[in-house]
Amino acid sequence: MPWYNGDYPPSYKNQPPYLREKAVEIANEVLKSTGNEGEAIATGLKQAHLHYEAHPDEIPADEKNKR
């Protein structure tokens, strides 16, 4: 089941909103290609973390202060 409009996997609950949005975007793409929800959820979160490690300038300023 794809996630959208604020709907996301429970394991994303405690993630910052910017990271959660990116993880959902990635997870939906993985879900389309594999059909495996578990794989999509894990891959989405891992790849979102990697994305923001490589692109810290994309982290919202108000979130950078929380880190």
PDB file of N, CA and C in Angstrom:
ATOM      1  N   MET A   1       0.842  -1.167   0.000  1.00  0.00           N
ATOM      2  CA  MET A   1       0.000   0.000   0.000  1.00  0.00           C
ATOM      3  C   MET A   1       0.891   1.236   0.000  1.00  0.00           C
ATOM      4  N   PRO A   2       0.779   2.101  -0.970  1.00  0.00           N
ATOM      5  CA  PRO A   2       1.601   3.319  -1.000  1.00  0.00           C
ATOM      6  C   PRO A   2       1.186   4.285   0.117  1.00  0.00           C
ATOM      7  N   TRP A   3       2.124   5.094   0.544  1.00  0.00           N
ATOM      8  CA  TRP A   3       1.878   6.076   1.597  1.00  0.00           C
ATOM      9  C   TRP A   3       1.829   7.469   0.983  1.00  0.00           C
ATOM     10  N   TYR A   4       0.910   8.300   1.473  1.00  0.00           N
ATOM     11  CA  TYR A   4       0.768   9.660   0.955  1.00  0.00           C
ATOM     12  C   TYR A   4      -0.037  10.508   1.936  1.00  0.00           C
ATOM     13  N   ASN A   5      -0.042  11.829   1.716  1.00  0.00           N
ATOM     14  CA  ASN A   5      -0.820  12.787   2.511  1.00  0.00           C
ATOM     15  C   ASN A   5      -0.686  12.590   4.019  1.00  0.00           C
ATOM     16  N   GLY A   6       0.525  12.539   4.507  1.00  0.00           N
ATOM     17  CA  GLY A   6       0.743  12.401   5.941  1.00  0.00           C
ATOM     18  C   GLY A   6       0.607  10.991   6.464  1.00  0.00           C
ATOM     19  N   ASP A   7       0.285  10.054   5.592  1.00  0.00           N
ATOM     20  CA  ASP A   7       0.220   8.646   5.983  1.00  0.00           C
ATOM     21  C   ASP A   7       1.623   8.080   5.801  1.00  0.00           C
ATOM     22  N   TYR A   8       2.124   7.406   6.830  1.00  0.00           N
ATOM     23  CA  TYR A   8       3.466   6.837   6.727  1.00  0.00           C
ATOM     24  C   TYR A   8       3.557   5.617   7.632  1.00  0.00           C
ATOM     25  N   PRO A   9       4.548   4.792   7.414  1.00  0.00           N
ATOM     26  CA  PRO A   9       4.718   3.599   8.248  1.00  0.00           C
ATOM     27  C   PRO A   9       4.954   3.984   9.714  1.00  0.00           C
ATOM     28  N   PRO A  10       4.447   3.204  10.644  1.00  0.00           N
ATOM     29  CA  PRO A  10       4.638   3.505  12.068  1.00  0.00           C
ATOM     30  C   PRO A  10       6.107   3.656  12.471  1.00  0.00           C
ATOM     31  N   SER A  11       7.001   2.947  11.823  1.00  0.00           N
ATOM     32  CA  SER A  11       8.419   3.047  12.180  1.00  0.00           C
ATOM     33  C   SER A  11       9.010   4.411  11.822  1.00  0.00           C
ATOM     34  N   TYR A  12       8.296   5.213  11.055  1.00  0.00           N
ATOM     35  CA  TYR A  12       8.771   6.551  10.692  1.00  0.00           C
ATOM     36  C   TYR A  12       8.274   7.606  11.688  1.00  0.00           C
ATOM     37  N   LYS A  13       7.473   7.199  12.640  1.00  0.00           N
ATOM     38  CA  LYS A  13       6.783   8.121  13.544  1.00  0.00           C
ATOM     39  C   LYS A  13       7.719   9.111  14.248  1.00  0.00           C
ATOM     40  N   ASN A  14       8.838   8.660  14.735  1.00  0.00           N
ATOM     41  CA  ASN A  14       9.727   9.526  15.515  1.00  0.00           C
ATOM     42  C   ASN A  14      10.799  10.226  14.683  1.00  0.00           C
ATOM     43  N   GLN A  15      10.692  10.149  13.378  1.00  0.00           N
ATOM     44  CA  GLN A  15      11.655  10.807  12.504  1.00  0.00           C
ATOM     45  C   GLN A  15      11.243  12.261  12.283  1.00  0.00           C
ATOM     46  N   PRO A  16      12.212  13.154  12.051  1.00  0.00           N
ATOM     47  CA  PRO A  16      11.852  14.539  11.741  1.00  0.00           C
ATOM     48  C   PRO A  16      11.019  14.589  10.448  1.00  0.00           C
ATOM     49  N   PRO A  17      10.116  15.542  10.350  1.00  0.00           N
ATOM     50  CA  PRO A  17       9.227  15.601   9.177  1.00  0.00           C
ATOM     51  C   PRO A  17       9.954  15.613   7.830  1.00  0.00           C
ATOM     52  N   TYR A  18      11.047  16.376   7.705  1.00  0.00           N
ATOM     53  CA  TYR A  18      11.753  16.433   6.428  1.00  0.00           C
ATOM     54  C   TYR A  18      12.296  15.056   6.048  1.00  0.00           C
ATOM     55  N   LEU A  19      12.816  14.322   7.028  1.00  0.00           N
ATOM     56  CA  LEU A  19      13.374  12.994   6.771  1.00  0.00           C
ATOM     57  C   LEU A  19      12.258  12.008   6.453  1.00  0.00           C
ATOM     58  N   ARG A  20      11.180  12.104   7.183  1.00  0.00           N
ATOM     59  CA  ARG A  20      10.029  11.212   6.973  1.00  0.00           C
ATOM     60  C   ARG A  20       9.466  11.395   5.573  1.00  0.00           C
ATOM     61  N   GLU A  21       9.344  12.643   5.112  1.00  0.00           N
ATOM     62  CA  GLU A  21       8.811  12.896   3.761  1.00  0.00           C
ATOM     63  C   GLU A  21       9.697  12.279   2.688  1.00  0.00           C
ATOM     64  N   LYS A  22      11.003  12.437   2.839  1.00  0.00           N
ATOM     65  CA  LYS A  22      11.947  11.874   1.866  1.00  0.00           C
ATOM     66  C   LYS A  22      11.895  10.347   1.918  1.00  0.00           C
ATOM     67  N   ALA A  23      11.820   9.784   3.118  1.00  0.00           N
ATOM     68  CA  ALA A  23      11.760   8.326   3.274  1.00  0.00           C
ATOM     69  C   ALA A  23      10.497   7.758   2.633  1.00  0.00           C
ATOM     70  N   VAL A  24       9.376   8.452   2.797  1.00  0.00           N
ATOM     71  CA  VAL A  24       8.114   8.007   2.185  1.00  0.00           C
ATOM     72  C   VAL A  24       8.222   8.069   0.671  1.00  0.00           C
ATOM     73  N   GLU A  25       8.808   9.135   0.161  1.00  0.00           N
ATOM     74  CA  GLU A  25       8.993   9.273  -1.294  1.00  0.00           C
ATOM     75  C   GLU A  25       9.813   8.097  -1.843  1.00  0.00           C
ATOM     76  N   ILE A  26      10.909   7.786  -1.181  1.00  0.00           N
ATOM     77  CA  ILE A  26      11.771   6.686  -1.619  1.00  0.00           C
ATOM     78  C   ILE A  26      11.058   5.346  -1.438  1.00  0.00           C
ATOM     79  N   ALA A  27      10.418   5.165  -0.304  1.00  0.00           N
ATOM     80  CA  ALA A  27       9.725   3.901  -0.025  1.00  0.00           C
ATOM     81  C   ALA A  27       8.642   3.628  -1.058  1.00  0.00           C
ATOM     82  N   ASN A  28       7.920   4.651  -1.471  1.00  0.00           N
ATOM     83  CA  ASN A  28       6.878   4.459  -2.485  1.00  0.00           C
ATOM     84  C   ASN A  28       7.471   3.992  -3.811  1.00  0.00           C
ATOM     85  N   GLU A  29       8.623   4.517  -4.163  1.00  0.00           N
ATOM     86  CA  GLU A  29       9.283   4.074  -5.407  1.00  0.00           C
ATOM     87  C   GLU A  29       9.743   2.622  -5.288  1.00  0.00           C
ATOM     88  N   VAL A  30      10.312   2.274  -4.148  1.00  0.00           N
ATOM     89  CA  VAL A  30      10.757   0.890  -3.939  1.00  0.00           C
ATOM     90  C   VAL A  30       9.547  -0.046  -3.959  1.00  0.00           C
ATOM     91  N   LEU A  31       8.468   0.382  -3.331  1.00  0.00           N
ATOM     92  CA  LEU A  31       7.255  -0.437  -3.293  1.00  0.00           C
ATOM     93  C   LEU A  31       6.717  -0.683  -4.701  1.00  0.00           C
ATOM     94  N   LYS A  32       6.767   0.345  -5.540  1.00  0.00           N
ATOM     95  CA  LYS A  32       6.315   0.183  -6.933  1.00  0.00           C
ATOM     96  C   LYS A  32       7.143  -0.873  -7.661  1.00  0.00           C
ATOM     97  N   SER A  33       8.450  -0.859  -7.418  1.00  0.00           N
ATOM     98  CA  SER A  33       9.310  -1.766  -8.177  1.00  0.00           C
ATOM     99  C   SER A  33       9.371  -3.174  -7.591  1.00  0.00           C
ATOM    100  N   THR A  34       9.263  -3.308  -6.265  1.00  0.00           N
ATOM    101  CA  THR A  34       9.411  -4.638  -5.668  1.00  0.00           C
ATOM    102  C   THR A  34       8.109  -5.226  -5.147  1.00  0.00           C
ATOM    103  N   GLY A  35       7.195  -4.368  -4.718  1.00  0.00           N
ATOM    104  CA  GLY A  35       5.950  -4.840  -4.130  1.00  0.00           C
ATOM    105  C   GLY A  35       6.118  -5.334  -2.693  1.00  0.00           C
ATOM    106  N   ASN A  36       7.307  -5.180  -2.132  1.00  0.00           N
ATOM    107  CA  ASN A  36       7.611  -5.663  -0.793  1.00  0.00           C
ATOM    108  C   ASN A  36       7.596  -4.493   0.189  1.00  0.00           C
ATOM    109  N   GLU A  37       6.563  -4.416   1.045  1.00  0.00           N
ATOM    110  CA  GLU A  37       6.429  -3.306   1.985  1.00  0.00           C
ATOM    111  C   GLU A  37       7.584  -3.234   2.977  1.00  0.00           C
ATOM    112  N   GLY A  38       7.982  -4.349   3.539  1.00  0.00           N
ATOM    113  CA  GLY A  38       9.073  -4.353   4.513  1.00  0.00           C
ATOM    114  C   GLY A  38      10.362  -3.813   3.927  1.00  0.00           C
ATOM    115  N   GLU A  39      10.672  -4.270   2.740  1.00  0.00           N
ATOM    116  CA  GLU A  39      11.876  -3.796   2.054  1.00  0.00           C
ATOM    117  C   GLU A  39      11.758  -2.310   1.739  1.00  0.00           C
ATOM    118  N   ALA A  40      10.591  -1.881   1.296  1.00  0.00           N
ATOM    119  CA  ALA A  40      10.368  -0.476   0.954  1.00  0.00           C
ATOM    120  C   ALA A  40      10.547   0.419   2.176  1.00  0.00           C
ATOM    121  N   ILE A  41      10.003   0.017   3.300  1.00  0.00           N
ATOM    122  CA  ILE A  41      10.099   0.819   4.525  1.00  0.00           C
ATOM    123  C   ILE A  41      11.552   0.951   4.969  1.00  0.00           C
ATOM    124  N   ALA A  42      12.262  -0.164   5.040  1.00  0.00           N
ATOM    125  CA  ALA A  42      13.660  -0.148   5.473  1.00  0.00           C
ATOM    126  C   ALA A  42      14.539   0.632   4.503  1.00  0.00           C
ATOM    127  N   THR A  43      14.365   0.399   3.226  1.00  0.00           N
ATOM    128  CA  THR A  43      15.171   1.080   2.215  1.00  0.00           C
ATOM    129  C   THR A  43      14.883   2.570   2.205  1.00  0.00           C
ATOM    130  N   GLY A  44      13.612   2.935   2.321  1.00  0.00           N
ATOM    131  CA  GLY A  44      13.243   4.353   2.327  1.00  0.00           C
ATOM    132  C   GLY A  44      13.930   5.118   3.427  1.00  0.00           C
ATOM    133  N   LEU A  45      13.919   4.575   4.629  1.00  0.00           N
ATOM    134  CA  LEU A  45      14.525   5.261   5.764  1.00  0.00           C
ATOM    135  C   LEU A  45      16.042   5.319   5.626  1.00  0.00           C
ATOM    136  N   LYS A  46      16.647   4.215   5.252  1.00  0.00           N
ATOM    137  CA  LYS A  46      18.106   4.194   5.099  1.00  0.00           C
ATOM    138  C   LYS A  46      18.572   5.164   4.011  1.00  0.00           C
ATOM    139  N   GLN A  47      17.897   5.142   2.872  1.00  0.00           N
ATOM    140  CA  GLN A  47      18.299   6.014   1.769  1.00  0.00           C
ATOM    141  C   GLN A  47      18.029   7.489   2.082  1.00  0.00           C
ATOM    142  N   ALA A  48      16.980   7.777   2.842  1.00  0.00           N
ATOM    143  CA  ALA A  48      16.702   9.163   3.239  1.00  0.00           C
ATOM    144  C   ALA A  48      17.828   9.674   4.144  1.00  0.00           C
ATOM    145  N   HIS A  49      18.269   8.834   5.080  1.00  0.00           N
ATOM    146  CA  HIS A  49      19.395   9.228   5.942  1.00  0.00           C
ATOM    147  C   HIS A  49      20.640   9.493   5.093  1.00  0.00           C
ATOM    148  N   LEU A  50      20.923   8.607   4.163  1.00  0.00           N
ATOM    149  CA  LEU A  50      22.092   8.776   3.296  1.00  0.00           C
ATOM    150  C   LEU A  50      21.970  10.031   2.444  1.00  0.00           C
ATOM    151  N   HIS A  51      20.765  10.312   1.971  1.00  0.00           N
ATOM    152  CA  HIS A  51      20.544  11.507   1.147  1.00  0.00           C
ATOM    153  C   HIS A  51      20.907  12.770   1.924  1.00  0.00           C
ATOM    154  N   TYR A  52      20.417  12.871   3.161  1.00  0.00           N
ATOM    155  CA  TYR A  52      20.684  14.080   3.938  1.00  0.00           C
ATOM    156  C   TYR A  52      22.108  14.143   4.478  1.00  0.00           C
ATOM    157  N   GLU A  53      22.786  13.000   4.601  1.00  0.00           N
ATOM    158  CA  GLU A  53      24.211  13.034   4.933  1.00  0.00           C
ATOM    159  C   GLU A  53      24.998  13.636   3.778  1.00  0.00           C
ATOM    160  N   ALA A  54      24.603  13.301   2.558  1.00  0.00           N
ATOM    161  CA  ALA A  54      25.283  13.803   1.366  1.00  0.00           C
ATOM    162  C   ALA A  54      24.854  15.224   1.006  1.00  0.00           C
ATOM    163  N   HIS A  55      23.664  15.631   1.458  1.00  0.00           N
ATOM    164  CA  HIS A  55      23.119  16.947   1.109  1.00  0.00           C
ATOM    165  C   HIS A  55      22.611  17.665   2.360  1.00  0.00           C
ATOM    166  N   PRO A  56      23.503  17.967   3.302  1.00  0.00           N
ATOM    167  CA  PRO A  56      23.050  18.604   4.543  1.00  0.00           C
ATOM    168  C   PRO A  56      22.440  19.985   4.323  1.00  0.00           C
ATOM    169  N   ASP A  57      22.776  20.620   3.195  1.00  0.00           N
ATOM    170  CA  ASP A  57      22.203  21.932   2.880  1.00  0.00           C
ATOM    171  C   ASP A  57      20.702  21.858   2.616  1.00  0.00           C
ATOM    172  N   GLU A  58      20.158  20.669   2.389  1.00  0.00           N
ATOM    173  CA  GLU A  58      18.724  20.504   2.145  1.00  0.00           C
ATOM    174  C   GLU A  58      17.919  20.331   3.437  1.00  0.00           C
ATOM    175  N   ILE A  59      18.615  20.195   4.560  1.00  0.00           N
ATOM    176  CA  ILE A  59      17.923  20.072   5.843  1.00  0.00           C
ATOM    177  C   ILE A  59      17.396  21.456   6.211  1.00  0.00           C
ATOM    178  N   PRO A  60      16.114  21.572   6.542  1.00  0.00           N
ATOM    179  CA  PRO A  60      15.561  22.879   6.912  1.00  0.00           C
ATOM    180  C   PRO A  60      16.332  23.492   8.088  1.00  0.00           C
ATOM    181  N   ALA A  61      16.519  24.811   8.053  1.00  0.00           N
ATOM    182  CA  ALA A  61      17.305  25.506   9.066  1.00  0.00           C
ATOM    183  C   ALA A  61      16.800  25.256  10.478  1.00  0.00           C
ATOM    184  N   ASP A  62      15.498  25.223  10.657  1.00  0.00           N
ATOM    185  CA  ASP A  62      14.961  25.006  12.004  1.00  0.00           C
ATOM    186  C   ASP A  62      15.243  23.589  12.495  1.00  0.00           C
ATOM    187  N   GLU A  63      15.453  22.657  11.606  1.00  0.00           N
ATOM    188  CA  GLU A  63      15.781  21.282  11.987  1.00  0.00           C
ATOM    189  C   GLU A  63      17.273  21.135  12.295  1.00  0.00           C
ATOM    190  N   LYS A  64      18.109  21.933  11.651  1.00  0.00           N
ATOM    191  CA  LYS A  64      19.556  21.850  11.903  1.00  0.00           C
ATOM    192  C   LYS A  64      19.873  22.206  13.345  1.00  0.00           C
ATOM    193  N   ASN A  65      19.104  23.114  13.927  1.00  0.00           N
ATOM    194  CA  ASN A  65      19.336  23.532  15.302  1.00  0.00           C
ATOM    195  C   ASN A  65      18.984  22.459  16.306  1.00  0.00           C
ATOM    196  N   LYS A  66      18.147  21.495  15.905  1.00  0.00           N
ATOM    197  CA  LYS A  66      17.712  20.423  16.789  1.00  0.00           C
ATOM    198  C   LYS A  66      18.696  19.272  16.849  1.00  0.00           C
ATOM    199  N   ARG A  67      19.608  19.205  15.894  1.00  0.00           N
ATOM    200  CA  ARG A  67      20.530  18.076  15.793  1.00  0.00           C
ATOM    201  C   ARG A  67      21.596  18.118  16.841  1.00  0.00           C
TER     202      ARG A  67
END
